[in-house]
C-alpha atoms as a PDB file:
ATOM      1  CA  UNK A   1      -3.831  51.058   5.584  1.00  0.00           C
ATOM      2  CA  UNK A   2      -4.707  55.192   5.592  1.00  0.00           C
ATOM      3  CA  UNK A   3      -2.258  57.264   7.745  1.00  0.00           C
ATOM      4  CA  UNK A   4       0.861  59.004   8.357  1.00  0.00           C
ATOM      5  CA  UNK A   5       2.943  57.680   5.711  1.00  0.00           C
ATOM      6  CA  UNK A   6       5.961  56.770   7.674  1.00  0.00           C
ATOM      7  CA  UNK A   7       3.430  54.474  10.020  1.00  0.00           C
ATOM      8  CA  UNK A   8       2.231  53.044   6.659  1.00  0.00           C
ATOM      9  CA  UNK A   9       5.363  52.137   5.823  1.00  0.00           C
ATOM     10  CA  UNK A  10       6.661  50.862   9.047  1.00  0.00           C
ATOM     11  CA  UNK A  11       3.339  48.861   9.237  1.00  0.00           C
ATOM     12  CA  UNK A  12       4.129  47.162   5.745  1.00  0.00           C
ATOM     13  CA  UNK A  13       8.015  46.532   6.071  1.00  0.00           C
ATOM     14  CA  UNK A  14       7.411  45.153   9.423  1.00  0.00           C
ATOM     15  CA  UNK A  15       4.104  43.362   8.736  1.00  0.00           C
ATOM     16  CA  UNK A  16       3.661  43.180  12.612  1.00  0.00           C
ATOM     17  CA  UNK A  17      -0.041  43.334  12.331  1.00  0.00           C
ATOM     18  CA  UNK A  18      -2.842  40.907  11.478  1.00  0.00           C
ATOM     19  CA  UNK A  19      -6.319  40.568   9.677  1.00  0.00           C
ATOM     20  CA  UNK A  20      -8.390  38.464  11.839  1.00  0.00           C
ATOM     21  CA  UNK A  21     -11.545  36.102  11.540  1.00  0.00           C
ATOM     22  CA  UNK A  22     -12.412  35.384  14.759  1.00  0.00           C
ATOM     23  CA  UNK A  23     -14.151  31.394  14.708  1.00  0.00           C
ATOM     24  CA  UNK A  24     -14.852  31.956  19.099  1.00  0.00           C
ATOM     25  CA  UNK A  25     -17.813  29.969  19.707  1.00  0.00           C
ATOM     26  CA  UNK A  26     -19.251  28.627  16.274  1.00  0.00           C
ATOM     27  CA  UNK A  27     -20.671  25.509  15.592  1.00  0.00           C
ATOM     28  CA  UNK A  28     -20.475  23.216  12.525  1.00  0.00           C
ATOM     29  CA  UNK A  29     -21.729  24.717   9.075  1.00  0.00           C
ATOM     30  CA  UNK A  30     -21.021  27.625   7.316  1.00  0.00           C
ATOM     31  CA  UNK A  31     -20.197  31.026   8.428  1.00  0.00           C
ATOM     32  CA  UNK A  32     -19.991  34.757   6.659  1.00  0.00           C
ATOM     33  CA  UNK A  33     -16.846  36.272   8.879  1.00  0.00           C
ATOM     34  CA  UNK A  34     -15.909  39.463   9.034  1.00  0.00           C
ATOM     35  CA  UNK A  35     -12.251  40.399   8.737  1.00  0.00           C
ATOM     36  CA  UNK A  36     -10.751  42.678  11.714  1.00  0.00           C
ATOM     37  CA  UNK A  37      -7.231  44.445  11.418  1.00  0.00           C
ATOM     38  CA  UNK A  38      -5.343  44.847  14.796  1.00  0.00           C
ATOM     39  CA  UNK A  39      -1.747  45.366  16.006  1.00  0.00           C
ATOM     40  CA  UNK A  40      -1.831  48.921  13.650  1.00  0.00           C
ATOM     41  CA  UNK A  41      -1.039  51.761  15.099  1.00  0.00           C
ATOM     42  CA  UNK A  42      -4.061  54.528  16.224  1.00  0.00           C
ATOM     43  CA  UNK A  43      -3.137  57.028  14.284  1.00  0.00           C
ATOM     44  CA  UNK A  44      -3.606  54.123  11.456  1.00  0.00           C
ATOM     45  CA  UNK A  45      -6.736  53.318   9.571  1.00  0.00           C
ATOM     46  CA  UNK A  46      -7.370  50.418   7.456  1.00  0.00           C
ATOM     47  CA  UNK A  47      -9.905  48.250   5.850  1.00  0.00           C
ATOM     48  CA  UNK A  48     -10.331  45.029   4.087  1.00  0.00           C
ATOM     49  CA  UNK A  49     -11.231  43.637   0.607  1.00  0.00           C
ATOM     50  CA  UNK A  50     -12.951  41.679   0.670  1.00  0.00           C
ATOM     51  CA  UNK A  51     -14.962  43.028   4.211  1.00  0.00           C
ATOM     52  CA  UNK A  52     -16.201  39.188   5.171  1.00  0.00           C
ATOM     53  CA  UNK A  53     -15.012  35.809   3.835  1.00  0.00           C
ATOM     54  CA  UNK A  54     -17.428  32.896   4.219  1.00  0.00           C
ATOM     55  CA  UNK A  55     -15.517  29.998   6.287  1.00  0.00           C
ATOM     56  CA  UNK A  56     -16.959  26.699   6.364  1.00  0.00           C
ATOM     57  CA  UNK A  57     -16.161  24.595   9.871  1.00  0.00           C
ATOM     58  CA  UNK A  58     -16.422  20.843  10.138  1.00  0.00           C
ATOM     59  CA  UNK A  59     -15.911  18.063  13.126  1.00  0.00           C
ATOM     60  CA  UNK A  60     -12.144  16.984  12.797  1.00  0.00           C
ATOM     61  CA  UNK A  61     -11.269  13.477  12.359  1.00  0.00           C
ATOM     62  CA  UNK A  62      -7.776  11.564  12.254  1.00  0.00           C
ATOM     63  CA  UNK A  63      -6.337   8.347  10.927  1.00  0.00           C
ATOM     64  CA  UNK A  64      -3.668   6.651   9.941  1.00  0.00           C
ATOM     65  CA  UNK A  65      -2.764   5.583   5.942  1.00  0.00           C
ATOM     66  CA  UNK A  66      -0.040   3.376   4.362  1.00  0.00           C
ATOM     67  CA  UNK A  67       1.989   5.286   2.183  1.00  0.00           C
ATOM     68  CA  UNK A  68       1.858   4.028  -1.388  1.00  0.00           C
ATOM     69  CA  UNK A  69       4.815   5.197  -3.380  1.00  0.00           C
ATOM     70  CA  UNK A  70       3.818   5.340  -7.455  1.00  0.00           C
ATOM     71  CA  UNK A  71       5.998   6.067 -10.875  1.00  0.00           C
ATOM     72  CA  UNK A  72       5.348   5.839 -14.273  1.00  0.00           C
ATOM     73  CA  UNK A  73       7.471   2.258 -15.513  1.00  0.00           C
ATOM     74  CA  UNK A  74       7.306   3.727 -19.328  1.00  0.00           C
ATOM     75  CA  UNK A  75      10.035   6.323 -18.479  1.00  0.00           C
ATOM     76  CA  UNK A  76      12.498   2.963 -18.066  1.00  0.00           C
ATOM     77  CA  UNK A  77      14.552   2.459 -20.599  1.00  0.00           C
ATOM     78  CA  UNK A  78      14.677  -0.790 -22.057  1.00  0.00           C
ATOM     79  CA  UNK A  79      15.999  -4.162 -20.844  1.00  0.00           C
ATOM     80  CA  UNK A  80      15.776  -2.234 -17.522  1.00  0.00           C
ATOM     81  CA  UNK A  81      13.131  -2.261 -14.605  1.00  0.00           C
ATOM     82  CA  UNK A  82      12.374  -1.349 -11.440  1.00  0.00           C
ATOM     83  CA  UNK A  83      11.882  -2.951  -7.828  1.00  0.00           C
ATOM     84  CA  UNK A  84      10.123  -2.826  -5.343  1.00  0.00           C
ATOM     85  CA  UNK A  85       9.702   0.676  -4.642  1.00  0.00           C
ATOM     86  CA  UNK A  86       9.427   1.874  -0.488  1.00  0.00           C
ATOM     87  CA  UNK A  87       9.658   4.476   1.526  1.00  0.00           C
ATOM     88  CA  UNK A  88      11.081   5.796   4.887  1.00  0.00           C
ATOM     89  CA  UNK A  89       7.230   6.398   6.136  1.00  0.00           C
ATOM     90  CA  UNK A  90       5.591   3.377   6.321  1.00  0.00           C
ATOM     91  CA  UNK A  91       2.620   5.443   7.307  1.00  0.00           C
ATOM     92  CA  UNK A  92       1.723   9.022   7.997  1.00  0.00           C
ATOM     93  CA  UNK A  93      -1.106  10.771  10.370  1.00  0.00           C
ATOM     94  CA  UNK A  94      -3.850  12.577   8.173  1.00  0.00           C
ATOM     95  CA  UNK A  95      -6.092  15.245  10.098  1.00  0.00           C
ATOM     96  CA  UNK A  96      -9.194  16.977   8.440  1.00  0.00           C
ATOM     97  CA  UNK A  97     -12.414  17.353   8.130  1.00  0.00           C
ATOM     98  CA  UNK A  98     -13.973  13.959   9.111  1.00  0.00           C
ATOM     99  CA  UNK A  99     -16.085  13.635   5.464  1.00  0.00           C
ATOM    100  CA  UNK A 100     -12.760  14.495   4.311  1.00  0.00           C
ATOM    101  CA  UNK A 101     -10.990  11.963   6.264  1.00  0.00           C
ATOM    102  CA  UNK A 102     -13.856   9.813   4.634  1.00  0.00           C
ATOM    103  CA  UNK A 103     -13.162   9.825   0.600  1.00  0.00           C
ATOM    104  CA  UNK A 104      -9.385   9.093   1.654  1.00  0.00           C
ATOM    105  CA  UNK A 105      -8.673   6.124  -0.790  1.00  0.00           C
ATOM    106  CA  UNK A 106      -4.903   6.913  -0.424  1.00  0.00           C
ATOM    107  CA  UNK A 107      -1.694   8.647   0.721  1.00  0.00           C
ATOM    108  CA  UNK A 108       0.544   8.695  -2.422  1.00  0.00           C
ATOM    109  CA  UNK A 109       3.930   9.547  -2.838  1.00  0.00           C
ATOM    110  CA  UNK A 110       4.291  10.541  -6.465  1.00  0.00           C
ATOM    111  CA  UNK A 111       8.207  10.398  -8.282  1.00  0.00           C
ATOM    112  CA  UNK A 112       8.867  11.770 -11.275  1.00  0.00           C
ATOM    113  CA  UNK A 113      10.888   9.827 -12.930  1.00  0.00           C
ATOM    114  CA  UNK A 114      13.571  11.524 -16.469  1.00  0.00           C
ATOM    115  CA  UNK A 115      13.020   9.725 -19.646  1.00  0.00           C
ATOM    116  CA  UNK A 116      15.114   6.588 -20.034  1.00  0.00           C
ATOM    117  CA  UNK A 117      16.119   6.302 -16.655  1.00  0.00           C
ATOM    118  CA  UNK A 118      19.091   3.757 -15.869  1.00  0.00           C
ATOM    119  CA  UNK A 119      19.555   4.438 -12.407  1.00  0.00           C
ATOM    120  CA  UNK A 120      18.288   4.248  -8.930  1.00  0.00           C
ATOM    121  CA  UNK A 121      16.045   7.467  -7.958  1.00  0.00           C
ATOM    122  CA  UNK A 122      15.917   8.234  -4.248  1.00  0.00           C
ATOM    123  CA  UNK A 123      14.634  11.854  -3.098  1.00  0.00           C
ATOM    124  CA  UNK A 124      12.229  13.838  -0.933  1.00  0.00           C
ATOM    125  CA  UNK A 125       8.844  13.763  -2.088  1.00  0.00           C
ATOM    126  CA  UNK A 126       5.513  15.513  -0.871  1.00  0.00           C
ATOM    127  CA  UNK A 127       2.354  13.020   0.057  1.00  0.00           C
ATOM    128  CA  UNK A 128      -0.874  13.716  -1.219  1.00  0.00           C
ATOM    129  CA  UNK A 129      -4.170  12.273   0.050  1.00  0.00           C
ATOM    130  CA  UNK A 130      -6.322  11.388  -2.545  1.00  0.00           C
ATOM    131  CA  UNK A 131      -9.886  10.265  -3.112  1.00  0.00           C
ATOM    132  CA  UNK A 132     -11.292   7.342  -5.225  1.00  0.00           C
ATOM    133  CA  UNK A 133     -10.704  10.049  -8.212  1.00  0.00           C
ATOM    134  CA  UNK A 134      -7.427  10.834  -7.732  1.00  0.00           C
ATOM    135  CA  UNK A 135      -8.751  14.611  -6.600  1.00  0.00           C
ATOM    136  CA  UNK A 136      -6.361  15.777  -3.670  1.00  0.00           C
ATOM    137  CA  UNK A 137      -8.113  16.219  -0.524  1.00  0.00           C
ATOM    138  CA  UNK A 138      -8.005  19.180   1.849  1.00  0.00           C
ATOM    139  CA  UNK A 139      -5.831  17.799   4.550  1.00  0.00           C
ATOM    140  CA  UNK A 140      -3.231  17.872   7.025  1.00  0.00           C
ATOM    141  CA  UNK A 141      -0.634  15.258   6.516  1.00  0.00           C
ATOM    142  CA  UNK A 142       1.886  14.344   9.279  1.00  0.00           C
ATOM    143  CA  UNK A 143       5.361  14.594   8.328  1.00  0.00           C
ATOM    144  CA  UNK A 144       4.614  16.151   5.066  1.00  0.00           C
ATOM    145  CA  UNK A 145       7.014  14.473   2.983  1.00  0.00           C
ATOM    146  CA  UNK A 146       8.333  10.963   2.683  1.00  0.00           C
ATOM    147  CA  UNK A 147      12.290  10.011   1.623  1.00  0.00           C
ATOM    148  CA  UNK A 148      11.164   7.671  -1.569  1.00  0.00           C
ATOM    149  CA  UNK A 149      13.576   5.149  -2.691  1.00  0.00           C
ATOM    150  CA  UNK A 150      12.932   3.753  -6.520  1.00  0.00           C
ATOM    151  CA  UNK A 151      15.606   0.862  -7.176  1.00  0.00           C
ATOM    152  CA  UNK A 152      15.989   0.682 -11.337  1.00  0.00           C
ATOM    153  CA  UNK A 153      18.252  -2.610 -12.594  1.00  0.00           C
ATOM    154  CA  UNK A 154      19.369  -3.613 -15.521  1.00  0.00           C
ATOM    155  CA  UNK A 155      16.972  -7.004 -15.802  1.00  0.00           C
ATOM    156  CA  UNK A 156      18.490  -9.448 -18.316  1.00  0.00           C
ATOM    157  CA  UNK A 157      19.088 -12.207 -16.504  1.00  0.00           C
ATOM    158  CA  UNK A 158      16.635 -15.188 -16.184  1.00  0.00           C
ATOM    159  CA  UNK A 159      15.936 -18.278 -13.479  1.00  0.00           C
ATOM    160  CA  UNK A 160      13.517 -21.015 -13.726  1.00  0.00           C
ATOM    161  CA  UNK A 161      12.639 -22.202  -9.931  1.00  0.00           C
ATOM    162  CA  UNK A 162      10.208 -24.782  -8.359  1.00  0.00           C
ATOM    163  CA  UNK A 163       7.192 -22.975  -7.416  1.00  0.00           C
ATOM    164  CA  UNK A 164       5.528 -23.953  -3.503  1.00  0.00           C
ATOM    165  CA  UNK A 165       2.212 -23.196  -2.013  1.00  0.00           C
ATOM    166  CA  UNK A 166       2.387 -22.428   1.381  1.00  0.00           C
ATOM    167  CA  UNK A 167      -0.732 -21.326   4.272  1.00  0.00           C
ATOM    168  CA  UNK A 168      -0.974 -17.618   3.759  1.00  0.00           C
ATOM    169  CA  UNK A 169      -3.415 -17.635   7.178  1.00  0.00           C
ATOM    170  CA  UNK A 170      -5.772 -19.292   9.822  1.00  0.00           C
ATOM    171  CA  UNK A 171      -8.731 -21.133   8.416  1.00  0.00           C
ATOM    172  CA  UNK A 172     -11.848 -21.838   9.622  1.00  0.00           C
ATOM    173  CA  UNK A 173     -11.842 -24.065  12.687  1.00  0.00           C
ATOM    174  CA  UNK A 174     -11.909 -28.052  12.195  1.00  0.00           C
ATOM    175  CA  UNK A 175     -10.961 -27.575   8.835  1.00  0.00           C
ATOM    176  CA  UNK A 176      -8.481 -29.273   6.817  1.00  0.00           C
ATOM    177  CA  UNK A 177      -7.424 -27.624   3.457  1.00  0.00           C
ATOM    178  CA  UNK A 178      -5.003 -29.629   0.453  1.00  0.00           C
ATOM    179  CA  UNK A 179      -3.636 -27.139  -2.052  1.00  0.00           C
ATOM    180  CA  UNK A 180      -3.047 -27.822  -5.841  1.00  0.00           C
ATOM    181  CA  UNK A 181      -1.579 -26.788  -9.042  1.00  0.00           C
ATOM    182  CA  UNK A 182      -0.421 -27.329 -12.094  1.00  0.00           C
ATOM    183  CA  UNK A 183       2.258 -24.690 -12.075  1.00  0.00           C
ATOM    184  CA  UNK A 184       5.644 -26.009 -10.627  1.00  0.00           C
ATOM    185  CA  UNK A 185       7.813 -24.051 -12.281  1.00  0.00           C
ATOM    186  CA  UNK A 186       7.780 -20.083 -12.407  1.00  0.00           C
ATOM    187  CA  UNK A 187      10.455 -17.908 -14.182  1.00  0.00           C
ATOM    188  CA  UNK A 188      12.183 -14.856 -12.708  1.00  0.00           C
ATOM    189  CA  UNK A 189      13.249 -12.234 -14.400  1.00  0.00           C
ATOM    190  CA  UNK A 190      16.423  -9.800 -12.689  1.00  0.00           C
ATOM    191  CA  UNK A 191      19.771  -9.031 -11.446  1.00  0.00           C
ATOM    192  CA  UNK A 192      22.320 -11.731 -11.950  1.00  0.00           C
ATOM    193  CA  UNK A 193      23.237 -11.106  -8.111  1.00  0.00           C
ATOM    194  CA  UNK A 194      19.375 -11.455  -6.621  1.00  0.00           C
ATOM    195  CA  UNK A 195      18.828 -14.883  -8.628  1.00  0.00           C
ATOM    196  CA  UNK A 196      21.413 -16.366  -7.630  1.00  0.00           C
ATOM    197  CA  UNK A 197      20.070 -15.932  -3.691  1.00  0.00           C
ATOM    198  CA  UNK A 198      16.476 -17.243  -4.863  1.00  0.00           C
ATOM    199  CA  UNK A 199      16.070 -21.285  -5.316  1.00  0.00           C
ATOM    200  CA  UNK A 200      12.432 -21.025  -5.079  1.00  0.00           C
ATOM    201  CA  UNK A 201       9.296 -18.798  -4.667  1.00  0.00           C
ATOM    202  CA  UNK A 202       6.664 -19.500  -1.877  1.00  0.00           C
ATOM    203  CA  UNK A 203       3.065 -18.469  -2.504  1.00  0.00           C
ATOM    204  CA  UNK A 204       1.124 -17.893   0.289  1.00  0.00           C
ATOM    205  CA  UNK A 205      -2.469 -19.375  -0.274  1.00  0.00           C
ATOM    206  CA  UNK A 206      -5.130 -17.174   1.650  1.00  0.00           C
ATOM    207  CA  UNK A 207      -7.709 -19.171   4.224  1.00  0.00           C
ATOM    208  CA  UNK A 208      -9.295 -17.161   5.433  1.00  0.00           C
ATOM    209  CA  UNK A 209     -13.240 -17.667   5.377  1.00  0.00           C
ATOM    210  CA  UNK A 210     -12.704 -20.704   3.380  1.00  0.00           C
ATOM    211  CA  UNK A 211     -15.170 -23.788   4.398  1.00  0.00           C
ATOM    212  CA  UNK A 212     -15.759 -25.298   0.979  1.00  0.00           C
ATOM    213  CA  UNK A 213     -13.726 -26.098  -2.421  1.00  0.00           C
ATOM    214  CA  UNK A 214     -12.873 -23.549  -4.366  1.00  0.00           C
ATOM    215  CA  UNK A 215     -10.662 -22.886  -7.344  1.00  0.00           C
ATOM    216  CA  UNK A 216      -8.452 -19.244  -7.272  1.00  0.00           C
ATOM    217  CA  UNK A 217      -6.810 -17.101  -9.559  1.00  0.00           C
ATOM    218  CA  UNK A 218      -3.207 -15.991  -7.531  1.00  0.00           C
ATOM    219  CA  UNK A 219      -1.188 -13.396  -8.187  1.00  0.00           C
ATOM    220  CA  UNK A 220       2.654 -13.609  -8.055  1.00  0.00           C
ATOM    221  CA  UNK A 221       4.980 -11.066  -7.022  1.00  0.00           C
ATOM    222  CA  UNK A 222       7.968 -11.203  -5.618  1.00  0.00           C
ATOM    223  CA  UNK A 223       9.097  -8.704  -2.944  1.00  0.00           C
ATOM    224  CA  UNK A 224      12.994  -9.515  -2.998  1.00  0.00           C
ATOM    225  CA  UNK A 225      15.276  -6.337  -4.467  1.00  0.00           C
ATOM    226  CA  UNK A 226      16.355  -7.338  -7.440  1.00  0.00           C
ATOM    227  CA  UNK A 227      13.719  -9.323  -8.848  1.00  0.00           C
ATOM    228  CA  UNK A 228      11.560  -7.118 -11.085  1.00  0.00           C
ATOM    229  CA  UNK A 229       8.898  -9.858 -12.774  1.00  0.00           C
ATOM    230  CA  UNK A 230       7.907 -13.392 -12.270  1.00  0.00           C
ATOM    231  CA  UNK A 231       6.126 -15.592 -15.239  1.00  0.00           C
ATOM    232  CA  UNK A 232       3.502 -16.711 -15.480  1.00  0.00           C
ATOM    233  CA  UNK A 233       2.241 -13.286 -13.815  1.00  0.00           C
ATOM    234  CA  UNK A 234      -0.770 -15.543 -11.839  1.00  0.00           C
ATOM    235  CA  UNK A 235      -2.001 -19.253 -11.163  1.00  0.00           C
ATOM    236  CA  UNK A 236      -4.250 -21.646 -10.530  1.00  0.00           C
ATOM    237  CA  UNK A 237      -4.962 -22.807  -7.098  1.00  0.00           C
ATOM    238  CA  UNK A 238      -7.291 -25.599  -6.225  1.00  0.00           C
ATOM    239  CA  UNK A 239      -8.818 -25.528  -2.419  1.00  0.00           C
ATOM    240  CA  UNK A 240      -9.805 -28.618  -1.312  1.00  0.00           C
ATOM    241  CA  UNK A 241     -11.979 -28.465   2.000  1.00  0.00           C
ATOM    242  CA  UNK A 242     -12.363 -31.334   4.134  1.00  0.00           C
ATOM    243  CA  UNK A 243     -13.613 -32.119   7.818  1.00  0.00           C
ATOM    244  CA  UNK A 244     -10.582 -32.413  10.316  1.00  0.00           C
ATOM    245  CA  UNK A 245     -11.976 -35.720  12.411  1.00  0.00           C
ATOM    246  CA  UNK A 246      -8.692 -35.634  14.512  1.00  0.00           C
ATOM    247  CA  UNK A 247      -8.997 -31.757  15.008  1.00  0.00           C
ATOM    248  CA  UNK A 248     -12.488 -32.664  16.209  1.00  0.00           C
ATOM    249  CA  UNK A 249     -12.342 -35.786  18.820  1.00  0.00           C
ATOM    250  CA  UNK A 250      -9.707 -33.591  20.346  1.00  0.00           C
ATOM    251  CA  UNK A 251     -11.969 -32.061  22.927  1.00  0.00           C
ATOM    252  CA  UNK A 252     -10.713 -28.416  22.082  1.00  0.00           C
ATOM    253  CA  UNK A 253      -6.963 -29.031  22.287  1.00  0.00           C
ATOM    254  CA  UNK A 254      -4.673 -27.710  19.410  1.00  0.00           C
ATOM    255  CA  UNK A 255      -3.110 -29.667  16.841  1.00  0.00           C
ATOM    256  CA  UNK A 256      -1.952 -29.020  13.314  1.00  0.00           C
ATOM    257  CA  UNK A 257      -1.422 -31.719  10.749  1.00  0.00           C
ATOM    258  CA  UNK A 258       0.900 -31.701   8.208  1.00  0.00           C
ATOM    259  CA  UNK A 259       0.868 -33.853   4.363  1.00  0.00           C
ATOM    260  CA  UNK A 260       2.540 -32.874   1.264  1.00  0.00           C
ATOM    261  CA  UNK A 261       1.892 -34.840  -1.970  1.00  0.00           C
ATOM    262  CA  UNK A 262       4.681 -34.089  -3.586  1.00  0.00           C
ATOM    263  CA  UNK A 263       8.236 -33.614  -3.037  1.00  0.00           C
ATOM    264  CA  UNK A 264       8.311 -29.694  -4.827  1.00  0.00           C
ATOM    265  CA  UNK A 265       6.094 -28.064  -2.247  1.00  0.00           C
ATOM    266  CA  UNK A 266       5.157 -29.027   2.042  1.00  0.00           C
ATOM    267  CA  UNK A 267       2.818 -26.934   4.470  1.00  0.00           C
ATOM    268  CA  UNK A 268       4.274 -23.723   5.475  1.00  0.00           C
ATOM    269  CA  UNK A 269       2.986 -22.463   8.826  1.00  0.00           C
ATOM    270  CA  UNK A 270       1.037 -19.049   8.549  1.00  0.00           C
ATOM    271  CA  UNK A 271       3.716 -16.760  10.308  1.00  0.00           C
ATOM    272  CA  UNK A 272       6.752 -17.421   8.471  1.00  0.00           C
ATOM    273  CA  UNK A 273       8.883 -14.816   7.401  1.00  0.00           C
ATOM    274  CA  UNK A 274      10.707 -16.032   4.820  1.00  0.00           C
ATOM    275  CA  UNK A 275       7.992 -15.972   2.624  1.00  0.00           C
ATOM    276  CA  UNK A 276       9.525 -14.875  -1.569  1.00  0.00           C
ATOM    277  CA  UNK A 277       6.362 -13.780  -3.093  1.00  0.00           C
ATOM    278  CA  UNK A 278       2.989 -11.991  -2.140  1.00  0.00           C
ATOM    279  CA  UNK A 279       0.257 -12.722  -3.563  1.00  0.00           C
ATOM    280  CA  UNK A 280      -3.606 -11.604  -3.944  1.00  0.00           C
ATOM    281  CA  UNK A 281      -6.542 -13.422  -4.865  1.00  0.00           C
ATOM    282  CA  UNK A 282      -9.175 -12.573  -7.747  1.00  0.00           C
ATOM    283  CA  UNK A 283     -11.357 -14.765  -7.887  1.00  0.00           C
ATOM    284  CA  UNK A 284     -11.777 -17.830  -9.923  1.00  0.00           C
ATOM    285  CA  UNK A 285     -10.814 -16.559 -13.195  1.00  0.00           C
ATOM    286  CA  UNK A 286      -8.367 -19.160 -15.050  1.00  0.00           C
ATOM    287  CA  UNK A 287      -4.538 -18.216 -15.034  1.00  0.00           C
ATOM    288  CA  UNK A 288      -1.558 -18.971 -17.107  1.00  0.00           C
ATOM    289  CA  UNK A 289       0.494 -20.856 -16.160  1.00  0.00           C
ATOM    290  CA  UNK A 290       3.382 -23.998 -16.979  1.00  0.00           C
ATOM    291  CA  UNK A 291       1.687 -27.327 -16.530  1.00  0.00           C
ATOM    292  CA  UNK A 292       3.841 -30.060 -15.460  1.00  0.00           C
ATOM    293  CA  UNK A 293       3.131 -33.653 -15.908  1.00  0.00           C
ATOM    294  CA  UNK A 294       2.034 -33.557 -12.104  1.00  0.00           C
ATOM    295  CA  UNK A 295       0.295 -31.123  -9.745  1.00  0.00           C
ATOM    296  CA  UNK A 296       2.238 -29.626  -6.971  1.00  0.00           C
ATOM    297  CA  UNK A 297       0.357 -29.068  -3.705  1.00  0.00           C
ATOM    298  CA  UNK A 298       0.063 -28.425   0.609  1.00  0.00           C
ATOM    299  CA  UNK A 299      -1.899 -29.340   2.869  1.00  0.00           C
ATOM    300  CA  UNK A 300      -2.747 -27.966   6.754  1.00  0.00           C
ATOM    301  CA  UNK A 301      -5.458 -28.426   9.008  1.00  0.00           C
ATOM    302  CA  UNK A 302      -7.254 -25.830  11.094  1.00  0.00           C
ATOM    303  CA  UNK A 303      -7.806 -26.356  14.931  1.00  0.00           C
ATOM    304  CA  UNK A 304     -11.141 -26.054  16.344  1.00  0.00           C
END
């Protein structure tokens, strides 16, 4: 700014002027824009450095993403473990260039833990959208922060409980399913109070798209607060698929059969809200398990 010193100082102190990049009428692409000043006294002349800037304009996109809480478990003190971390924001809206929205792998809330932490951590965390390589993307997240809680417990107690296979969703129409596994019991690690409230571990088996016999390795994870580990971490489950003659002859009417082949497991409807475990299928590789003298199994059929 060049002009009378009093006016220049006043403009500098108040900041009531602008440097404008006018994008009106421009289409998507990269543009070189001349910068202009506005709001200055007519007695002041001004120039900008640089005089021009490059601006990239893209079509806007918007999508919702779940919030994933991340932390370094190696910073938790020995004989302590973290429970299920949670956020007060289940999902957030992300706005930005369509090309960047498509690149988003996840929206993360990174929690920095102190070394040898023994107490639960709760704090506000700035959210970031990252791509598959962990690079932060230039997008707008709303809301931009989340209140995150990482529960940390003294996890020295163990409890052995029976495992129960349950249906994890709707299968193929006209098919009947039987589940079986050689793993009858699992060992839970956690706090004494949490273990007192659990008498069994329910393991949902996904039936989506299953129309023939197959073996699956299912990961075991308890979503109960205070339970920090499940051993074994995976089990091998055999899914036996048969045509449901009863369902096929019912002329389109819905029917569900329920059978069990051992006292340790029974069919559980797919909309059950009391499941203690979250499972994810990882193909058909072998999983470690604690074998018993007989297998636990469950059976269900899908209506035609």
